Structure formats: structure tokens, C-alpha cells
Amino acid sequence: MHVINFLRKSRVVLRTRVIENTGCDSRLRNFFRDSRAMEVVSGLTHIEVTNDDPIVLFKNWLEEARSFSTPMPRAFCLATASGCGKVSARHLLLGRLDDDGFVTTTNGRSPKSQDLSEVPSAAMCFHWAYRRENGETVSRQVRIEGTVTKLGREEYEDIYEKSDISYKIRDHICEQSSPVDWNELKASHDRMLEKIKSEGVAPPMPEHTAGYKLFPSSMEFYYAKGRLIADRVLFLKNPKASDWTHHHLAA
């Protein structure tokens, strides 16, 4: 024990003498200071589960992300697969969070809509990274897998009505993922915008706007904080009932 203490003291003295003798700048001082901190700072992040329903935990995490001004907290990555197994992914915005699933809207003529008509299953992934008021960095991710159902117009028309005017114009003038002449598209946009301004009425939801709802069968929560080792919790839904089970996973 005496030998170990002597070596520790010698290491600190050596660092101090290197700094003093070489006249190094503050960056090197910070490096040695941070190195000493990294030697002793470690631990495990912990996800506290207070409700057996993962939707409740998701709502809490989403609300915290919003409170810290996370850019576009409703953004998520949606992965789909075609009937021949071709996988693709893109980012969308969550239109509405129901007690039993996640609702989003898109162009019904898009590749993703074609995928969902062939394989009505998908995976969603949300990620939020921010710094709390105490300076603590937070990284949270939620992975969601489940079946997808196409909704009736009355079930998602409210999402369209609440959307920005740019989204409404896009739904009318864009046939998503089709080749386009940019100048012609710009002219179409400007004509519709001018019409909206002159008439004072937003365009109604077009027939090709589609709404989908993902009913989760599994939800995995990932939480990393500062330099601590991350924690993960996996929720699995009982296929024969509406209840969930959960357990922690190694990071």
C-alpha cells in the first residue's frame, strides 16, 4: 500500500514539474487536469421505470427534450422494407402520439407508402442530445418496432390542418421522389402561395396525403449521461394481451 501511494504521489509531482519546467500553456495544464479526472470518474446511468407502459416513459423523455430546446424533438428515422426485402430509411416528423401508437403523414405516392403496402411493419428511431442546466450532457434514444396501419382521412386530417403552410403547399405540388424540373416546381410554388395570400384560404388536404399509425410491439430506451456507462431498457408487448414486460440490457 505504501508503494502504491508513493507511486501516485510521484506521478502527480512529475506532472507538476513537467508543467513548471517546460512553461507549457493552459491547454497542457487542462490536459493533465482532465486526465486525472478521467481516472476516477465512472459509473452507470440508470433508467428509472415507474410505469409498465413504455408510452408513458416516451412522453416523459419527449417532454424533457422539448424543455431543453432540442432542435425538432419530434423528428425520427423511419425504416421500411419492400416486398423483395430492400430496406430504406428516412427522417419524418411525428404527427401525433396516441396512447396506443405513433401517427405520421406522408405522400401516399411515395416509396415508403409502397413499402408499407407490401410489408406493413416498420422501425422508428428517435434521438435527443442536449445539455441540462447543471452542464450535464444527455444522450437518449428510443427504438420502436411494430405493425403499421393505414388510417382513414378523418383520423389524421387534424395533423394536416395544424401543419405550416409550406407543408400544405408541398403536399399539393410535389409528387414525392419523382424527377422534377426545379424551375417549374418553383413557379408552381409561387403561384399557389400567391393564391393563398390573395384568397386568405389554405388549400385543403389532397387525396394523396396518407396517414399511418405504428402500433409498437417493442420499445427500447437508451440513456447515456456525462461519462457514465449507458443504460438500456427493453419493453416487449404480450402478443396475446395488452400488457408489457421490461428488463435492462447491457450497453
Protein backbone atom coordinates (compact mmCIF):
# COMPACT_ATOMS: atom_id res chain seq x y z
CA MET A 1 0.00 0.00 0.00
CA HIS A 2 2.86 2.40 0.85
CA VAL A 3 4.45 1.66 -2.53
CA ILE A 4 1.19 2.39 -4.36
CA ASN A 5 0.73 5.70 -2.53
CA PHE A 6 4.34 6.65 -3.27
CA LEU A 7 3.86 5.95 -6.99
CA ARG A 8 0.66 8.00 -7.09
CA LYS A 9 2.35 10.97 -5.41
CA SER A 10 5.36 10.66 -7.69
CA ARG A 11 3.13 10.76 -10.77
CA VAL A 12 1.44 13.97 -9.61
CA VAL A 13 4.82 15.54 -8.74
CA LEU A 14 6.22 14.54 -12.12
CA ARG A 15 3.31 16.13 -13.95
CA THR A 16 3.69 19.31 -11.91
CA ARG A 17 7.42 19.52 -12.64
CA VAL A 18 6.84 18.93 -16.37
CA ILE A 19 4.39 21.82 -16.43
CA GLU A 20 6.65 24.12 -14.42
CA ASN A 21 9.91 23.24 -16.20
CA THR A 22 8.57 23.44 -19.73
CA GLY A 23 6.47 26.54 -19.19
CA CYS A 24 3.58 24.84 -21.04
CA ASP A 25 0.40 26.73 -21.75
CA SER A 26 -3.06 26.31 -20.25
CA ARG A 27 -4.05 23.66 -22.78
CA LEU A 28 -1.47 21.23 -21.42
CA ARG A 29 -2.46 22.08 -17.85
CA ASN A 30 -6.08 21.31 -18.76
CA PHE A 31 -5.00 18.06 -20.38
CA PHE A 32 -3.30 16.83 -17.19
CA ARG A 33 -6.21 18.03 -15.07
CA ASP A 34 -8.76 16.26 -17.29
CA SER A 35 -6.61 13.12 -17.35
CA ARG A 36 -6.67 12.95 -13.56
CA ALA A 37 -10.46 13.40 -13.60
CA MET A 38 -10.93 10.63 -16.16
CA GLU A 39 -9.03 8.20 -13.95
CA VAL A 40 -11.66 8.37 -11.20
CA VAL A 41 -14.97 9.33 -12.87
CA SER A 42 -17.09 6.33 -13.84
CA GLY A 43 -20.42 4.76 -13.05
CA LEU A 44 -23.66 3.53 -14.54
CA THR A 45 -26.54 5.58 -15.86
CA HIS A 46 -29.90 4.28 -14.64
CA ILE A 47 -33.29 4.39 -16.37
CA GLU A 48 -35.98 4.57 -13.72
CA VAL A 49 -39.14 2.78 -14.84
CA THR A 50 -42.19 3.93 -12.87
CA ASN A 51 -44.90 2.63 -15.23
CA ASP A 52 -45.27 -0.63 -17.11
CA ASP A 53 -46.47 1.26 -20.21
CA PRO A 54 -43.47 2.41 -22.32
CA ILE A 55 -45.58 5.14 -23.95
CA VAL A 56 -45.58 6.93 -20.57
CA LEU A 57 -41.76 6.88 -20.41
CA PHE A 58 -41.56 8.03 -24.03
CA LYS A 59 -43.82 11.00 -23.30
CA ASN A 60 -41.64 12.00 -20.34
CA TRP A 61 -38.46 11.85 -22.41
CA LEU A 62 -40.04 13.77 -25.28
CA GLU A 63 -41.23 16.49 -22.92
CA GLU A 64 -37.76 16.87 -21.39
CA ALA A 65 -36.20 17.10 -24.85
CA ARG A 66 -38.67 19.86 -25.70
CA SER A 67 -37.91 21.74 -22.48
CA PHE A 68 -34.22 21.93 -23.35
CA SER A 69 -34.93 23.35 -26.82
CA THR A 70 -33.75 20.26 -28.66
CA PRO A 71 -33.99 21.05 -32.40
CA MET A 72 -37.02 19.27 -33.87
CA PRO A 73 -37.69 16.86 -30.97
CA ARG A 74 -40.47 15.16 -32.99
CA ALA A 75 -38.05 14.11 -35.75
CA PHE A 76 -37.43 10.38 -36.14
CA CYS A 77 -35.91 7.94 -38.59
CA LEU A 78 -38.37 5.50 -40.21
CA ALA A 79 -37.07 2.26 -41.70
CA THR A 80 -39.22 0.21 -44.07
CA ALA A 81 -38.73 -2.79 -46.33
CA SER A 82 -40.14 -3.62 -49.76
CA GLY A 83 -41.70 -6.94 -50.65
CA CYS A 84 -38.38 -8.10 -52.13
CA GLY A 85 -36.50 -7.19 -48.94
CA LYS A 86 -34.94 -3.88 -49.96
CA VAL A 87 -34.56 -1.76 -46.81
CA SER A 88 -34.68 2.04 -46.84
CA ALA A 89 -34.77 4.75 -44.19
CA ARG A 90 -35.64 8.44 -43.99
CA HIS A 91 -36.47 11.08 -41.41
CA LEU A 92 -40.03 12.22 -40.73
CA LEU A 93 -41.87 14.23 -38.10
CA LEU A 94 -44.17 12.65 -35.54
CA GLY A 95 -47.64 13.99 -36.29
CA ARG A 96 -49.38 12.73 -33.17
CA LEU A 97 -48.67 10.45 -30.23
CA ASP A 98 -51.66 8.36 -29.18
CA ASP A 99 -51.89 6.11 -26.15
CA ASP A 100 -51.51 3.07 -28.39
CA GLY A 101 -49.22 4.22 -31.18
CA PHE A 102 -47.34 6.77 -33.30
CA VAL A 103 -49.05 8.65 -36.13
CA THR A 104 -47.37 10.33 -39.09
CA THR A 105 -48.44 11.59 -42.51
CA THR A 106 -46.73 11.40 -45.88
CA ASN A 107 -47.34 11.39 -49.61
CA GLY A 108 -49.33 8.28 -50.46
CA ARG A 109 -47.47 8.01 -53.79
CA SER A 110 -44.04 7.85 -52.12
CA PRO A 111 -41.70 4.81 -51.98
CA LYS A 112 -42.29 4.50 -48.24
CA SER A 113 -46.04 4.19 -48.84
CA GLN A 114 -45.36 1.50 -51.42
CA ASP A 115 -43.13 -0.32 -48.91
CA LEU A 116 -45.81 -0.19 -46.23
CA SER A 117 -48.43 -1.54 -48.60
CA GLU A 118 -46.16 -4.55 -49.30
CA VAL A 119 -44.73 -5.02 -45.78
CA PRO A 120 -46.91 -3.35 -43.11
CA SER A 121 -44.16 -3.35 -40.47
CA ALA A 122 -41.57 -0.69 -39.68
CA ALA A 123 -38.99 0.56 -37.21
CA MET A 124 -38.73 4.09 -35.81
CA CYS A 125 -35.79 5.69 -34.02
CA PHE A 126 -35.79 8.94 -32.03
CA HIS A 127 -32.58 10.53 -30.76
CA TRP A 128 -32.17 13.54 -28.47
CA ALA A 129 -28.89 15.08 -27.32
CA TYR A 130 -28.74 18.15 -25.09
CA ARG A 131 -27.11 19.71 -22.05
CA ARG A 132 -29.02 20.17 -18.82
CA GLU A 133 -28.91 23.35 -16.74
CA ASN A 134 -26.23 21.85 -14.48
CA GLY A 135 -23.97 21.29 -17.51
CA GLU A 136 -24.64 17.56 -17.65
CA THR A 137 -24.73 16.12 -21.19
CA VAL A 138 -27.57 13.78 -22.06
CA SER A 139 -27.97 11.35 -24.97
CA ARG A 140 -31.25 9.49 -25.27
CA GLN A 141 -32.50 7.16 -27.98
CA VAL A 142 -35.76 5.24 -28.38
CA ARG A 143 -36.07 2.41 -30.91
CA ILE A 144 -39.60 1.28 -31.76
CA GLU A 145 -40.72 -1.69 -33.84
CA GLY A 146 -44.23 -2.76 -34.74
CA THR A 147 -47.01 -3.15 -37.28
CA VAL A 148 -48.25 -0.23 -39.37
CA THR A 149 -51.86 0.52 -40.32
CA LYS A 150 -53.04 2.98 -42.94
CA LEU A 151 -55.56 5.37 -41.40
CA GLY A 152 -58.79 6.86 -42.68
CA ARG A 153 -58.67 10.53 -43.68
CA GLU A 154 -60.68 11.62 -40.66
CA GLU A 155 -58.04 10.09 -38.37
CA TYR A 156 -55.20 12.36 -39.49
CA GLU A 157 -56.82 15.40 -41.11
CA ASP A 158 -56.16 17.33 -37.89
CA ILE A 159 -52.41 16.86 -38.41
CA TYR A 160 -52.62 18.40 -41.87
CA GLU A 161 -54.72 21.32 -40.62
CA LYS A 162 -52.12 22.17 -37.94
CA SER A 163 -49.14 21.97 -40.30
CA ASP A 164 -47.28 25.02 -41.67
CA ILE A 165 -48.34 26.50 -44.97
CA SER A 166 -45.13 25.26 -46.62
CA TYR A 167 -46.07 21.66 -45.80
CA LYS A 168 -49.55 22.17 -47.27
CA ILE A 169 -48.11 23.60 -50.49
CA ARG A 170 -45.60 20.77 -50.70
CA ASP A 171 -48.37 18.17 -50.43
CA HIS A 172 -50.10 19.76 -53.42
CA ILE A 173 -47.22 20.43 -55.81
CA CYS A 174 -44.80 17.58 -55.07
CA GLU A 175 -45.11 14.03 -56.29
CA GLN A 176 -42.59 12.77 -53.80
CA SER A 177 -39.39 11.17 -55.15
CA SER A 178 -40.33 11.79 -58.80
CA PRO A 179 -37.89 13.61 -61.12
CA VAL A 180 -38.68 17.32 -61.33
CA ASP A 181 -37.59 20.49 -63.05
CA TRP A 182 -36.65 22.81 -60.20
CA ASN A 183 -37.69 26.00 -62.02
CA GLU A 184 -41.12 24.56 -62.86
CA LEU A 185 -41.57 23.44 -59.27
CA LYS A 186 -40.62 26.90 -58.01
CA ALA A 187 -43.12 28.50 -60.38
CA SER A 188 -45.89 26.17 -59.14
CA HIS A 189 -44.99 27.01 -55.55
CA ASP A 190 -45.07 30.75 -56.18
CA ARG A 191 -48.45 30.58 -57.94
CA MET A 192 -50.03 28.63 -55.10
CA LEU A 193 -48.51 30.88 -52.44
CA GLU A 194 -49.81 33.98 -54.22
CA LYS A 195 -53.28 32.43 -54.47
CA ILE A 196 -53.28 31.64 -50.74
CA LYS A 197 -52.24 35.19 -49.91
CA SER A 198 -54.88 36.77 -52.17
CA GLU A 199 -57.75 34.49 -51.09
CA GLY A 200 -56.72 34.08 -47.48
CA VAL A 201 -57.58 30.38 -47.52
CA ALA A 202 -55.20 27.44 -47.15
CA PRO A 203 -55.55 24.58 -49.64
CA PRO A 204 -57.47 21.51 -48.40
CA MET A 205 -55.71 18.22 -47.78
CA PRO A 206 -55.14 16.47 -51.12
CA GLU A 207 -56.42 12.97 -51.76
CA HIS A 208 -52.90 11.51 -51.99
CA THR A 209 -51.89 12.60 -48.48
CA ALA A 210 -51.77 9.42 -46.40
CA GLY A 211 -51.68 8.79 -42.67
CA TYR A 212 -50.10 5.82 -40.93
CA LYS A 213 -50.03 4.55 -37.38
CA LEU A 214 -47.33 2.33 -35.96
CA PHE A 215 -48.56 0.06 -33.15
CA PRO A 216 -45.43 -0.85 -31.16
CA SER A 217 -44.60 -4.43 -30.24
CA SER A 218 -41.20 -3.49 -28.78
CA MET A 219 -39.66 -0.27 -27.48
CA GLU A 220 -36.03 0.05 -26.43
CA PHE A 221 -34.81 3.03 -24.39
CA TYR A 222 -31.13 4.07 -24.31
CA TYR A 223 -29.81 6.67 -21.85
CA ALA A 224 -26.24 7.97 -21.51
CA LYS A 225 -25.27 10.76 -19.13
CA GLY A 226 -21.91 12.53 -18.98
CA ARG A 227 -19.08 10.00 -18.75
CA LEU A 228 -21.24 7.30 -17.21
CA ILE A 229 -21.87 3.97 -18.92
CA ALA A 230 -25.23 3.95 -20.69
CA ASP A 231 -28.31 2.02 -19.59
CA ARG A 232 -30.88 0.35 -21.84
CA VAL A 233 -34.37 -0.93 -21.10
CA LEU A 234 -36.34 -3.13 -23.49
CA PHE A 235 -40.15 -3.28 -23.35
CA LEU A 236 -41.88 -6.20 -25.07
CA LYS A 237 -45.62 -6.37 -25.62
CA ASN A 238 -47.51 -9.57 -24.91
CA PRO A 239 -48.95 -10.54 -28.33
CA LYS A 240 -52.00 -12.13 -26.66
CA ALA A 241 -52.74 -9.26 -24.31
CA SER A 242 -52.19 -5.54 -23.92
CA ASP A 243 -49.63 -5.69 -21.11
CA TRP A 244 -45.87 -5.12 -21.37
CA THR A 245 -42.81 -6.68 -19.77
CA HIS A 246 -39.43 -4.98 -19.48
CA HIS A 247 -35.83 -5.66 -18.49
CA HIS A 248 -32.47 -3.89 -18.60
CA LEU A 249 -29.92 -4.59 -21.34
CA ALA A 250 -26.17 -4.21 -21.32
CA ALA A 251 -24.94 -1.08 -23.08
